Amino acid sequence: MKLIKYNVYSGKENMDIDAGLLDNAIKDNLKEPVFRLYGWKPKCISLGRNQKADFLNCEIPVVRRLTGGRALLHDDEVTYSCIIPIDLIKDGESVIMSYKYISGILIDFFKTLGIELNYGENKKVSTHYDYCMLLSTGADVCYKGLKLIGSAQCRKQGYILQHGSILFGYDKALLENLFREEVKGITCIKEIRPDLTKEIFISLLEKYINDYP
Protein backbone atom coordinates (compact mmCIF):
# COMPACT_ATOMS: atom_id res chain seq x y z
CA MET A 1 0.00 0.00 0.00
CA LYS A 2 1.33 3.43 -0.94
CA LEU A 3 1.05 6.06 1.79
CA ILE A 4 0.79 9.79 1.09
CA LYS A 5 1.62 11.46 4.38
CA TYR A 6 -0.57 14.00 6.12
CA ASN A 7 -0.57 17.54 4.82
CA VAL A 8 -2.96 20.46 4.97
CA TYR A 9 -4.57 22.07 1.91
CA SER A 10 -7.56 24.18 0.96
CA GLY A 11 -10.83 22.44 0.15
CA LYS A 12 -10.42 22.82 -3.61
CA GLU A 13 -6.84 21.60 -3.46
CA ASN A 14 -7.85 18.52 -1.50
CA MET A 15 -10.61 17.60 -3.95
CA ASP A 16 -8.32 18.21 -6.93
CA ILE A 17 -5.62 15.98 -5.40
CA ASP A 18 -8.08 13.14 -4.81
CA ALA A 19 -9.46 13.45 -8.34
CA GLY A 20 -5.94 13.46 -9.76
CA LEU A 21 -4.93 10.38 -7.78
CA LEU A 22 -7.97 8.52 -9.07
CA ASP A 23 -7.33 9.53 -12.68
CA ASN A 24 -3.64 8.62 -12.43
CA ALA A 25 -4.49 5.22 -10.94
CA ILE A 26 -6.73 4.53 -13.94
CA LYS A 27 -4.18 5.83 -16.45
CA ASP A 28 -1.29 3.87 -14.92
CA ASN A 29 -3.38 0.73 -14.30
CA LEU A 30 -2.31 0.89 -10.66
CA LYS A 31 -2.25 -2.48 -8.88
CA GLU A 32 -1.85 -1.34 -5.27
CA PRO A 33 -3.97 0.86 -3.00
CA VAL A 34 -3.05 4.50 -2.36
CA PHE A 35 -3.89 5.86 1.10
CA ARG A 36 -3.68 9.62 1.69
CA LEU A 37 -4.10 11.57 4.95
CA TYR A 38 -4.89 15.26 4.98
CA GLY A 39 -6.35 18.27 6.73
CA TRP A 40 -8.13 21.45 5.65
CA LYS A 41 -7.15 25.11 5.90
CA PRO A 42 -9.26 27.12 6.09
CA LYS A 43 -12.11 25.04 7.49
CA CYS A 44 -14.41 24.01 4.69
CA ILE A 45 -17.81 22.46 3.95
CA SER A 46 -17.91 19.66 1.39
CA LEU A 47 -21.09 18.58 -0.34
CA GLY A 48 -21.83 15.12 -1.70
CA ARG A 49 -21.73 14.68 -5.48
CA ASN A 50 -25.48 15.14 -5.99
CA GLN A 51 -26.39 17.13 -2.90
CA LYS A 52 -28.20 20.44 -3.22
CA ALA A 53 -26.55 23.48 -1.66
CA ASP A 54 -29.65 25.61 -1.12
CA PHE A 55 -29.61 25.15 2.66
CA LEU A 56 -26.20 26.82 3.06
CA ASN A 57 -25.93 30.40 4.22
CA CYS A 58 -22.43 31.00 5.57
CA GLU A 59 -19.06 32.46 4.69
CA ILE A 60 -17.18 29.17 5.08
CA PRO A 61 -15.76 27.94 1.74
CA VAL A 62 -17.74 25.17 0.04
CA VAL A 63 -16.50 22.44 -2.30
CA ARG A 64 -18.17 19.48 -3.96
CA ARG A 65 -16.84 15.95 -3.56
CA LEU A 66 -16.56 13.28 -6.23
CA THR A 67 -18.19 10.91 -3.77
CA GLY A 68 -21.78 10.82 -2.58
CA GLY A 69 -23.14 11.36 0.89
CA ARG A 70 -24.19 14.48 2.77
CA ALA A 71 -22.55 17.73 3.82
CA LEU A 72 -19.54 17.75 6.13
CA LEU A 73 -17.77 20.52 7.98
CA HIS A 74 -14.05 19.81 7.73
CA ASP A 75 -12.46 21.43 10.75
CA ASP A 76 -10.81 19.51 13.60
CA GLU A 77 -10.44 16.17 11.87
CA VAL A 78 -8.09 13.83 10.04
CA THR A 79 -9.38 13.05 6.57
CA TYR A 80 -8.36 10.01 4.56
CA SER A 81 -8.75 8.98 0.94
CA CYS A 82 -8.13 5.50 -0.43
CA ILE A 83 -7.88 4.65 -4.11
CA ILE A 84 -7.98 0.92 -4.80
CA PRO A 85 -8.69 -1.39 -7.76
CA ILE A 86 -12.07 -3.07 -7.29
CA ASP A 87 -10.60 -6.48 -8.12
CA LEU A 88 -8.18 -6.28 -5.19
CA ILE A 89 -11.13 -6.60 -2.81
CA LYS A 90 -12.92 -9.92 -2.35
CA ASP A 91 -16.48 -9.35 -3.61
CA GLY A 92 -15.41 -5.78 -4.38
CA GLU A 93 -18.36 -5.26 -6.72
CA SER A 94 -20.47 -5.22 -3.57
CA VAL A 95 -20.50 -1.67 -2.25
CA ILE A 96 -20.94 -2.72 1.36
CA MET A 97 -18.12 -5.31 1.14
CA SER A 98 -15.75 -2.71 -0.28
CA TYR A 99 -16.68 -0.25 2.48
CA LYS A 100 -15.99 -2.92 5.08
CA TYR A 101 -12.65 -3.81 3.51
CA ILE A 102 -11.35 -0.23 3.48
CA SER A 103 -12.91 0.84 6.77
CA GLY A 104 -11.62 -2.40 8.29
CA ILE A 105 -8.09 -1.04 7.90
CA LEU A 106 -9.04 1.83 10.20
CA ILE A 107 -10.86 -0.43 12.63
CA ASP A 108 -7.74 -2.61 12.91
CA PHE A 109 -5.60 0.49 13.48
CA PHE A 110 -7.81 1.73 16.31
CA LYS A 111 -7.45 -1.65 18.00
CA THR A 112 -3.73 -0.86 18.38
CA LEU A 113 -4.82 2.20 20.39
CA GLY A 114 -7.05 0.08 22.62
CA ILE A 115 -10.18 1.44 20.95
CA GLU A 116 -12.81 -1.04 19.73
CA LEU A 117 -14.87 0.27 16.82
CA ASN A 118 -17.66 -1.31 14.81
CA TYR A 119 -19.66 -0.66 11.68
CA GLY A 120 -22.72 1.55 11.83
CA GLU A 121 -26.27 0.39 11.36
CA ASN A 122 -28.45 1.32 8.42
CA LYS A 123 -30.83 3.66 10.18
CA LYS A 124 -31.97 7.14 9.27
CA VAL A 125 -32.01 10.03 11.69
CA SER A 126 -34.42 12.87 11.03
CA THR A 127 -32.32 15.70 9.68
CA HIS A 128 -33.48 18.52 7.44
CA TYR A 129 -30.20 20.14 6.52
CA ASP A 130 -28.22 17.05 5.58
CA TYR A 131 -25.28 17.01 8.00
CA CYS A 132 -23.56 13.72 7.18
CA MET A 133 -22.46 12.74 10.67
CA LEU A 134 -26.07 12.60 11.91
CA LEU A 135 -26.91 9.78 9.48
CA SER A 136 -25.91 6.22 10.28
CA THR A 137 -25.22 3.65 7.54
CA GLY A 138 -23.28 0.43 7.16
CA ALA A 139 -20.48 2.53 5.64
CA ASP A 140 -19.82 4.35 8.90
CA VAL A 141 -17.59 3.43 11.83
CA CYS A 142 -18.80 3.91 15.39
CA TYR A 143 -17.56 3.82 18.97
CA LYS A 144 -20.10 2.49 21.48
CA GLY A 145 -22.91 3.38 19.09
CA LEU A 146 -21.64 6.91 18.43
CA LYS A 147 -20.42 7.82 14.96
CA LEU A 148 -16.70 8.56 14.73
CA ILE A 149 -15.85 8.08 11.02
CA GLY A 150 -18.11 8.92 8.11
CA SER A 151 -17.10 7.69 4.65
CA ALA A 152 -18.31 7.91 1.06
CA GLN A 153 -17.35 6.33 -2.26
CA CYS A 154 -17.30 6.78 -5.99
CA ARG A 155 -16.33 4.25 -8.66
CA LYS A 156 -14.68 4.87 -11.98
CA GLN A 157 -13.31 2.46 -14.60
CA GLY A 158 -12.57 -0.37 -12.19
CA TYR A 159 -11.33 1.75 -9.28
CA ILE A 160 -12.83 2.93 -6.00
CA LEU A 161 -12.19 6.28 -4.37
CA GLN A 162 -13.29 6.18 -0.75
CA HIS A 163 -12.69 9.03 1.57
CA GLY A 164 -13.87 9.87 5.01
CA SER A 165 -13.73 12.12 8.02
CA ILE A 166 -12.17 10.91 11.27
CA LEU A 167 -13.42 13.34 13.90
CA PHE A 168 -10.60 14.43 16.17
CA GLY A 169 -12.73 17.10 17.79
CA TYR A 170 -15.81 19.12 16.87
CA ASP A 171 -17.42 22.44 17.64
CA LYS A 172 -21.00 21.54 18.56
CA ALA A 173 -22.20 25.16 18.63
CA LEU A 174 -20.73 25.90 15.21
CA LEU A 175 -22.23 22.76 13.68
CA GLU A 176 -25.66 23.52 15.09
CA ASN A 177 -25.44 27.09 13.83
CA LEU A 178 -24.39 25.98 10.33
CA PHE A 179 -26.85 23.13 9.91
CA ARG A 180 -29.59 24.47 12.18
CA GLU A 181 -30.27 21.16 13.88
CA GLU A 182 -29.27 19.42 17.10
CA VAL A 183 -25.94 17.59 16.85
CA LYS A 184 -26.03 14.26 18.69
CA GLY A 185 -24.99 10.66 18.25
CA ILE A 186 -21.38 11.46 17.35
CA THR A 187 -18.07 11.29 19.18
CA CYS A 188 -14.45 12.21 18.55
CA ILE A 189 -10.95 11.13 19.49
CA LYS A 190 -10.64 13.95 22.02
CA GLU A 191 -13.56 12.42 23.93
CA ILE A 192 -12.34 8.82 23.62
CA ARG A 193 -8.62 9.41 24.21
CA PRO A 194 -8.07 12.92 25.64
CA ASP A 195 -4.41 12.05 26.25
CA LEU A 196 -3.74 11.63 22.51
CA THR A 197 -2.59 14.65 20.51
CA LYS A 198 -3.45 14.98 16.85
CA GLU A 199 0.23 14.91 15.93
CA ILE A 200 0.80 11.60 17.72
CA PHE A 201 -2.42 10.15 16.30
CA ILE A 202 -1.35 11.04 12.75
CA SER A 203 2.16 9.65 13.21
CA LEU A 204 0.80 6.36 14.58
CA LEU A 205 -1.71 6.07 11.73
CA GLU A 206 0.95 6.84 9.14
CA LYS A 207 3.23 4.13 10.56
CA TYR A 208 0.37 1.61 10.59
CA ILE A 209 -0.60 2.34 6.97
CA ASN A 210 3.03 2.37 5.82
CA ASP A 211 3.58 -1.09 7.37
CA TYR A 212 0.23 -2.48 6.23
CA PRO A 213 0.63 -5.66 4.15
C-alpha atoms as a PDB file:
ATOM      1  CA  MET A   1       0.000   0.000   0.000  1.00  0.00           C
ATOM      2  CA  LYS A   2       1.326   3.432  -0.938  1.00  0.00           C
ATOM      3  CA  LEU A   3       1.055   6.058   1.795  1.00  0.00           C
ATOM      4  CA  ILE A   4       0.791   9.787   1.087  1.00  0.00           C
ATOM      5  CA  LYS A   5       1.617  11.462   4.381  1.00  0.00           C
ATOM      6  CA  TYR A   6      -0.571  14.004   6.118  1.00  0.00           C
ATOM      7  CA  ASN A   7      -0.569  17.538   4.819  1.00  0.00           C
ATOM      8  CA  VAL A   8      -2.965  20.461   4.967  1.00  0.00           C
ATOM      9  CA  TYR A   9      -4.573  22.074   1.910  1.00  0.00           C
ATOM     10  CA  SER A  10      -7.565  24.181   0.964  1.00  0.00           C
ATOM     11  CA  GLY A  11     -10.831  22.439   0.146  1.00  0.00           C
ATOM     12  CA  LYS A  12     -10.420  22.825  -3.609  1.00  0.00           C
ATOM     13  CA  GLU A  13      -6.838  21.602  -3.465  1.00  0.00           C
ATOM     14  CA  ASN A  14      -7.853  18.520  -1.499  1.00  0.00           C
ATOM     15  CA  MET A  15     -10.612  17.598  -3.945  1.00  0.00           C
ATOM     16  CA  ASP A  16      -8.324  18.213  -6.929  1.00  0.00           C
ATOM     17  CA  ILE A  17      -5.618  15.984  -5.400  1.00  0.00           C
ATOM     18  CA  ASP A  18      -8.082  13.142  -4.809  1.00  0.00           C
ATOM     19  CA  ALA A  19      -9.464  13.446  -8.344  1.00  0.00           C
ATOM     20  CA  GLY A  20      -5.942  13.459  -9.760  1.00  0.00           C
ATOM     21  CA  LEU A  21      -4.935  10.382  -7.779  1.00  0.00           C
ATOM     22  CA  LEU A  22      -7.969   8.518  -9.066  1.00  0.00           C
ATOM     23  CA  ASP A  23      -7.330   9.530 -12.684  1.00  0.00           C
ATOM     24  CA  ASN A  24      -3.640   8.617 -12.429  1.00  0.00           C
ATOM     25  CA  ALA A  25      -4.492   5.215 -10.944  1.00  0.00           C
ATOM     26  CA  ILE A  26      -6.725   4.525 -13.945  1.00  0.00           C
ATOM     27  CA  LYS A  27      -4.179   5.834 -16.452  1.00  0.00           C
ATOM     28  CA  ASP A  28      -1.286   3.867 -14.924  1.00  0.00           C
ATOM     29  CA  ASN A  29      -3.376   0.731 -14.300  1.00  0.00           C
ATOM     30  CA  LEU A  30      -2.314   0.894 -10.656  1.00  0.00           C
ATOM     31  CA  LYS A  31      -2.247  -2.482  -8.884  1.00  0.00           C
ATOM     32  CA  GLU A  32      -1.846  -1.340  -5.265  1.00  0.00           C
ATOM     33  CA  PRO A  33      -3.965   0.859  -3.002  1.00  0.00           C
ATOM     34  CA  VAL A  34      -3.047   4.498  -2.362  1.00  0.00           C
ATOM     35  CA  PHE A  35      -3.889   5.861   1.097  1.00  0.00           C
ATOM     36  CA  ARG A  36      -3.682   9.617   1.685  1.00  0.00           C
ATOM     37  CA  LEU A  37      -4.098  11.565   4.949  1.00  0.00           C
ATOM     38  CA  TYR A  38      -4.894  15.261   4.983  1.00  0.00           C
ATOM     39  CA  GLY A  39      -6.351  18.269   6.734  1.00  0.00           C
ATOM     40  CA  TRP A  40      -8.133  21.450   5.652  1.00  0.00           C
ATOM     41  CA  LYS A  41      -7.152  25.112   5.902  1.00  0.00           C
ATOM     42  CA  PRO A  42      -9.262  27.120   6.094  1.00  0.00           C
ATOM     43  CA  LYS A  43     -12.107  25.041   7.487  1.00  0.00           C
ATOM     44  CA  CYS A  44     -14.413  24.015   4.687  1.00  0.00           C
ATOM     45  CA  ILE A  45     -17.807  22.462   3.950  1.00  0.00           C
ATOM     46  CA  SER A  46     -17.906  19.665   1.388  1.00  0.00           C
ATOM     47  CA  LEU A  47     -21.091  18.576  -0.338  1.00  0.00           C
ATOM     48  CA  GLY A  48     -21.834  15.123  -1.705  1.00  0.00           C
ATOM     49  CA  ARG A  49     -21.731  14.685  -5.476  1.00  0.00           C
ATOM     50  CA  ASN A  50     -25.482  15.136  -5.993  1.00  0.00           C
ATOM     51  CA  GLN A  51     -26.394  17.132  -2.898  1.00  0.00           C
ATOM     52  CA  LYS A  52     -28.199  20.444  -3.218  1.00  0.00           C
ATOM     53  CA  ALA A  53     -26.546  23.481  -1.660  1.00  0.00           C
ATOM     54  CA  ASP A  54     -29.651  25.614  -1.116  1.00  0.00           C
ATOM     55  CA  PHE A  55     -29.606  25.149   2.662  1.00  0.00           C
ATOM     56  CA  LEU A  56     -26.203  26.820   3.055  1.00  0.00           C
ATOM     57  CA  ASN A  57     -25.928  30.395   4.220  1.00  0.00           C
ATOM     58  CA  CYS A  58     -22.434  31.001   5.574  1.00  0.00           C
ATOM     59  CA  GLU A  59     -19.061  32.465   4.691  1.00  0.00           C
ATOM     60  CA  ILE A  60     -17.181  29.174   5.080  1.00  0.00           C
ATOM     61  CA  PRO A  61     -15.757  27.938   1.740  1.00  0.00           C
ATOM     62  CA  VAL A  62     -17.741  25.172   0.041  1.00  0.00           C
ATOM     63  CA  VAL A  63     -16.498  22.441  -2.304  1.00  0.00           C
ATOM     64  CA  ARG A  64     -18.172  19.476  -3.963  1.00  0.00           C
ATOM     65  CA  ARG A  65     -16.836  15.953  -3.561  1.00  0.00           C
ATOM     66  CA  LEU A  66     -16.560  13.278  -6.229  1.00  0.00           C
ATOM     67  CA  THR A  67     -18.190  10.915  -3.766  1.00  0.00           C
ATOM     68  CA  GLY A  68     -21.783  10.823  -2.578  1.00  0.00           C
ATOM     69  CA  GLY A  69     -23.144  11.358   0.892  1.00  0.00           C
ATOM     70  CA  ARG A  70     -24.191  14.479   2.765  1.00  0.00           C
ATOM     71  CA  ALA A  71     -22.550  17.735   3.816  1.00  0.00           C
ATOM     72  CA  LEU A  72     -19.544  17.750   6.130  1.00  0.00           C
ATOM     73  CA  LEU A  73     -17.770  20.521   7.982  1.00  0.00           C
ATOM     74  CA  HIS A  74     -14.046  19.810   7.732  1.00  0.00           C
ATOM     75  CA  ASP A  75     -12.463  21.425  10.749  1.00  0.00           C
ATOM     76  CA  ASP A  76     -10.808  19.510  13.603  1.00  0.00           C
ATOM     77  CA  GLU A  77     -10.443  16.167  11.867  1.00  0.00           C
ATOM     78  CA  VAL A  78      -8.089  13.828  10.040  1.00  0.00           C
ATOM     79  CA  THR A  79      -9.378  13.046   6.566  1.00  0.00           C
ATOM     80  CA  TYR A  80      -8.361  10.013   4.562  1.00  0.00           C
ATOM     81  CA  SER A  81      -8.745   8.975   0.944  1.00  0.00           C
ATOM     82  CA  CYS A  82      -8.128   5.501  -0.425  1.00  0.00           C
ATOM     83  CA  ILE A  83      -7.884   4.651  -4.109  1.00  0.00           C
ATOM     84  CA  ILE A  84      -7.983   0.925  -4.803  1.00  0.00           C
ATOM     85  CA  PRO A  85      -8.687  -1.391  -7.763  1.00  0.00           C
ATOM     86  CA  ILE A  86     -12.072  -3.069  -7.289  1.00  0.00           C
ATOM     87  CA  ASP A  87     -10.603  -6.478  -8.124  1.00  0.00           C
ATOM     88  CA  LEU A  88      -8.177  -6.279  -5.194  1.00  0.00           C
ATOM     89  CA  ILE A  89     -11.131  -6.604  -2.814  1.00  0.00           C
ATOM     90  CA  LYS A  90     -12.921  -9.919  -2.355  1.00  0.00           C
ATOM     91  CA  ASP A  91     -16.480  -9.347  -3.610  1.00  0.00           C
ATOM     92  CA  GLY A  92     -15.405  -5.785  -4.378  1.00  0.00           C
ATOM     93  CA  GLU A  93     -18.359  -5.262  -6.717  1.00  0.00           C
ATOM     94  CA  SER A  94     -20.465  -5.218  -3.565  1.00  0.00           C
ATOM     95  CA  VAL A  95     -20.504  -1.670  -2.245  1.00  0.00           C
ATOM     96  CA  ILE A  96     -20.939  -2.724   1.359  1.00  0.00           C
ATOM     97  CA  MET A  97     -18.116  -5.314   1.140  1.00  0.00           C
ATOM     98  CA  SER A  98     -15.749  -2.708  -0.283  1.00  0.00           C
ATOM     99  CA  TYR A  99     -16.677  -0.248   2.478  1.00  0.00           C
ATOM    100  CA  LYS A 100     -15.989  -2.915   5.085  1.00  0.00           C
ATOM    101  CA  TYR A 101     -12.647  -3.814   3.512  1.00  0.00           C
ATOM    102  CA  ILE A 102     -11.346  -0.234   3.480  1.00  0.00           C
ATOM    103  CA  SER A 103     -12.911   0.838   6.766  1.00  0.00           C
ATOM    104  CA  GLY A 104     -11.619  -2.403   8.290  1.00  0.00           C
ATOM    105  CA  ILE A 105      -8.092  -1.036   7.902  1.00  0.00           C
ATOM    106  CA  LEU A 106      -9.036   1.833  10.200  1.00  0.00           C
ATOM    107  CA  ILE A 107     -10.858  -0.434  12.634  1.00  0.00           C
ATOM    108  CA  ASP A 108      -7.744  -2.611  12.907  1.00  0.00           C
ATOM    109  CA  PHE A 109      -5.604   0.487  13.483  1.00  0.00           C
ATOM    110  CA  PHE A 110      -7.806   1.729  16.305  1.00  0.00           C
ATOM    111  CA  LYS A 111      -7.447  -1.651  18.000  1.00  0.00           C
ATOM    112  CA  THR A 112      -3.730  -0.860  18.378  1.00  0.00           C
ATOM    113  CA  LEU A 113      -4.820   2.196  20.389  1.00  0.00           C
ATOM    114  CA  GLY A 114      -7.045   0.080  22.615  1.00  0.00           C
ATOM    115  CA  ILE A 115     -10.182   1.445  20.946  1.00  0.00           C
ATOM    116  CA  GLU A 116     -12.812  -1.036  19.734  1.00  0.00           C
ATOM    117  CA  LEU A 117     -14.874   0.270  16.824  1.00  0.00           C
ATOM    118  CA  ASN A 118     -17.662  -1.310  14.810  1.00  0.00           C
ATOM    119  CA  TYR A 119     -19.662  -0.665  11.676  1.00  0.00           C
ATOM    120  CA  GLY A 120     -22.719   1.546  11.826  1.00  0.00           C
ATOM    121  CA  GLU A 121     -26.275   0.390  11.363  1.00  0.00           C
ATOM    122  CA  ASN A 122     -28.455   1.320   8.423  1.00  0.00           C
ATOM    123  CA  LYS A 123     -30.835   3.659  10.180  1.00  0.00           C
ATOM    124  CA  LYS A 124     -31.967   7.143   9.266  1.00  0.00           C
ATOM    125  CA  VAL A 125     -32.008  10.025  11.692  1.00  0.00           C
ATOM    126  CA  SER A 126     -34.419  12.867  11.033  1.00  0.00           C
ATOM    127  CA  THR A 127     -32.323  15.699   9.676  1.00  0.00           C
ATOM    128  CA  HIS A 128     -33.484  18.522   7.444  1.00  0.00           C
ATOM    129  CA  TYR A 129     -30.197  20.138   6.517  1.00  0.00           C
ATOM    130  CA  ASP A 130     -28.225  17.049   5.584  1.00  0.00           C
ATOM    131  CA  TYR A 131     -25.277  17.009   7.998  1.00  0.00           C
ATOM    132  CA  CYS A 132     -23.564  13.724   7.178  1.00  0.00           C
ATOM    133  CA  MET A 133     -22.460  12.744  10.675  1.00  0.00           C
ATOM    134  CA  LEU A 134     -26.068  12.600  11.906  1.00  0.00           C
ATOM    135  CA  LEU A 135     -26.908   9.785   9.479  1.00  0.00           C
ATOM    136  CA  SER A 136     -25.909   6.221  10.279  1.00  0.00           C
ATOM    137  CA  THR A 137     -25.222   3.652   7.535  1.00  0.00           C
ATOM    138  CA  GLY A 138     -23.277   0.429   7.162  1.00  0.00           C
ATOM    139  CA  ALA A 139     -20.482   2.528   5.638  1.00  0.00           C
ATOM    140  CA  ASP A 140     -19.821   4.349   8.904  1.00  0.00           C
ATOM    141  CA  VAL A 141     -17.593   3.428  11.827  1.00  0.00           C
ATOM    142  CA  CYS A 142     -18.802   3.911  15.386  1.00  0.00           C
ATOM    143  CA  TYR A 143     -17.559   3.820  18.969  1.00  0.00           C
ATOM    144  CA  LYS A 144     -20.104   2.492  21.477  1.00  0.00           C
ATOM    145  CA  GLY A 145     -22.914   3.377  19.092  1.00  0.00           C
ATOM    146  CA  LEU A 146     -21.640   6.913  18.433  1.00  0.00           C
ATOM    147  CA  LYS A 147     -20.423   7.824  14.961  1.00  0.00           C
ATOM    148  CA  LEU A 148     -16.697   8.556  14.728  1.00  0.00           C
ATOM    149  CA  ILE A 149     -15.845   8.075  11.022  1.00  0.00           C
ATOM    150  CA  GLY A 150     -18.112   8.917   8.113  1.00  0.00           C
ATOM    151  CA  SER A 151     -17.097   7.687   4.645  1.00  0.00           C
ATOM    152  CA  ALA A 152     -18.307   7.909   1.062  1.00  0.00           C
ATOM    153  CA  GLN A 153     -17.348   6.327  -2.265  1.00  0.00           C
ATOM    154  CA  CYS A 154     -17.299   6.780  -5.988  1.00  0.00           C
ATOM    155  CA  ARG A 155     -16.334   4.252  -8.655  1.00  0.00           C
ATOM    156  CA  LYS A 156     -14.682   4.874 -11.981  1.00  0.00           C
ATOM    157  CA  GLN A 157     -13.309   2.463 -14.596  1.00  0.00           C
ATOM    158  CA  GLY A 158     -12.568  -0.374 -12.193  1.00  0.00           C
ATOM    159  CA  TYR A 159     -11.330   1.754  -9.277  1.00  0.00           C
ATOM    160  CA  ILE A 160     -12.828   2.930  -6.004  1.00  0.00           C
ATOM    161  CA  LEU A 161     -12.190   6.285  -4.372  1.00  0.00           C
ATOM    162  CA  GLN A 162     -13.294   6.175  -0.755  1.00  0.00           C
ATOM    163  CA  HIS A 163     -12.686   9.030   1.569  1.00  0.00           C
ATOM    164  CA  GLY A 164     -13.870   9.872   5.009  1.00  0.00           C
ATOM    165  CA  SER A 165     -13.728  12.121   8.017  1.00  0.00           C
ATOM    166  CA  ILE A 166     -12.169  10.910  11.273  1.00  0.00           C
ATOM    167  CA  LEU A 167     -13.423  13.343  13.903  1.00  0.00           C
ATOM    168  CA  PHE A 168     -10.604  14.429  16.170  1.00  0.00           C
ATOM    169  CA  GLY A 169     -12.727  17.104  17.791  1.00  0.00           C
ATOM    170  CA  TYR A 170     -15.805  19.119  16.870  1.00  0.00           C
ATOM    171  CA  ASP A 171     -17.417  22.441  17.639  1.00  0.00           C
ATOM    172  CA  LYS A 172     -20.999  21.544  18.558  1.00  0.00           C
ATOM    173  CA  ALA A 173     -22.195  25.156  18.632  1.00  0.00           C
ATOM    174  CA  LEU A 174     -20.726  25.903  15.209  1.00  0.00           C
ATOM    175  CA  LEU A 175     -22.234  22.756  13.684  1.00  0.00           C
ATOM    176  CA  GLU A 176     -25.658  23.520  15.086  1.00  0.00           C
ATOM    177  CA  ASN A 177     -25.440  27.093  13.829  1.00  0.00           C
ATOM    178  CA  LEU A 178     -24.391  25.983  10.328  1.00  0.00           C
ATOM    179  CA  PHE A 179     -26.849  23.125   9.910  1.00  0.00           C
ATOM    180  CA  ARG A 180     -29.595  24.468  12.181  1.00  0.00           C
ATOM    181  CA  GLU A 181     -30.265  21.158  13.882  1.00  0.00           C
ATOM    182  CA  GLU A 182     -29.268  19.415  17.103  1.00  0.00           C
ATOM    183  CA  VAL A 183     -25.945  17.585  16.852  1.00  0.00           C
ATOM    184  CA  LYS A 184     -26.034  14.264  18.689  1.00  0.00           C
ATOM    185  CA  GLY A 185     -24.988  10.661  18.251  1.00  0.00           C
ATOM    186  CA  ILE A 186     -21.377  11.463  17.349  1.00  0.00           C
ATOM    187  CA  THR A 187     -18.072  11.288  19.178  1.00  0.00           C
ATOM    188  CA  CYS A 188     -14.455  12.214  18.553  1.00  0.00           C
ATOM    189  CA  ILE A 189     -10.951  11.126  19.492  1.00  0.00           C
ATOM    190  CA  LYS A 190     -10.641  13.953  22.023  1.00  0.00           C
ATOM    191  CA  GLU A 191     -13.562  12.422  23.928  1.00  0.00           C
ATOM    192  CA  ILE A 192     -12.343   8.817  23.615  1.00  0.00           C
ATOM    193  CA  ARG A 193      -8.621   9.407  24.212  1.00  0.00           C
ATOM    194  CA  PRO A 194      -8.074  12.916  25.642  1.00  0.00           C
ATOM    195  CA  ASP A 195      -4.408  12.055  26.252  1.00  0.00           C
ATOM    196  CA  LEU A 196      -3.743  11.632  22.510  1.00  0.00           C
ATOM    197  CA  THR A 197      -2.587  14.655  20.509  1.00  0.00           C
ATOM    198  CA  LYS A 198      -3.446  14.981  16.855  1.00  0.00           C
ATOM    199  CA  GLU A 199       0.230  14.911  15.925  1.00  0.00           C
ATOM    200  CA  ILE A 200       0.795  11.601  17.719  1.00  0.00           C
ATOM    201  CA  PHE A 201      -2.417  10.151  16.301  1.00  0.00           C
ATOM    202  CA  ILE A 202      -1.350  11.039  12.754  1.00  0.00           C
ATOM    203  CA  SER A 203       2.162   9.647  13.208  1.00  0.00           C
ATOM    204  CA  LEU A 204       0.803   6.359  14.578  1.00  0.00           C
ATOM    205  CA  LEU A 205      -1.714   6.070  11.734  1.00  0.00           C
ATOM    206  CA  GLU A 206       0.946   6.837   9.142  1.00  0.00           C
ATOM    207  CA  LYS A 207       3.230   4.134  10.564  1.00  0.00           C
ATOM    208  CA  TYR A 208       0.372   1.613  10.588  1.00  0.00           C
ATOM    209  CA  ILE A 209      -0.596   2.339   6.974  1.00  0.00           C
ATOM    210  CA  ASN A 210       3.027   2.369   5.824  1.00  0.00           C
ATOM    211  CA  ASP A 211       3.583  -1.094   7.368  1.00  0.00           C
ATOM    212  CA  TYR A 212       0.226  -2.476   6.229  1.00  0.00           C
ATOM    213  CA  PRO A 213       0.628  -5.658   4.155  1.00  0.00           C
END
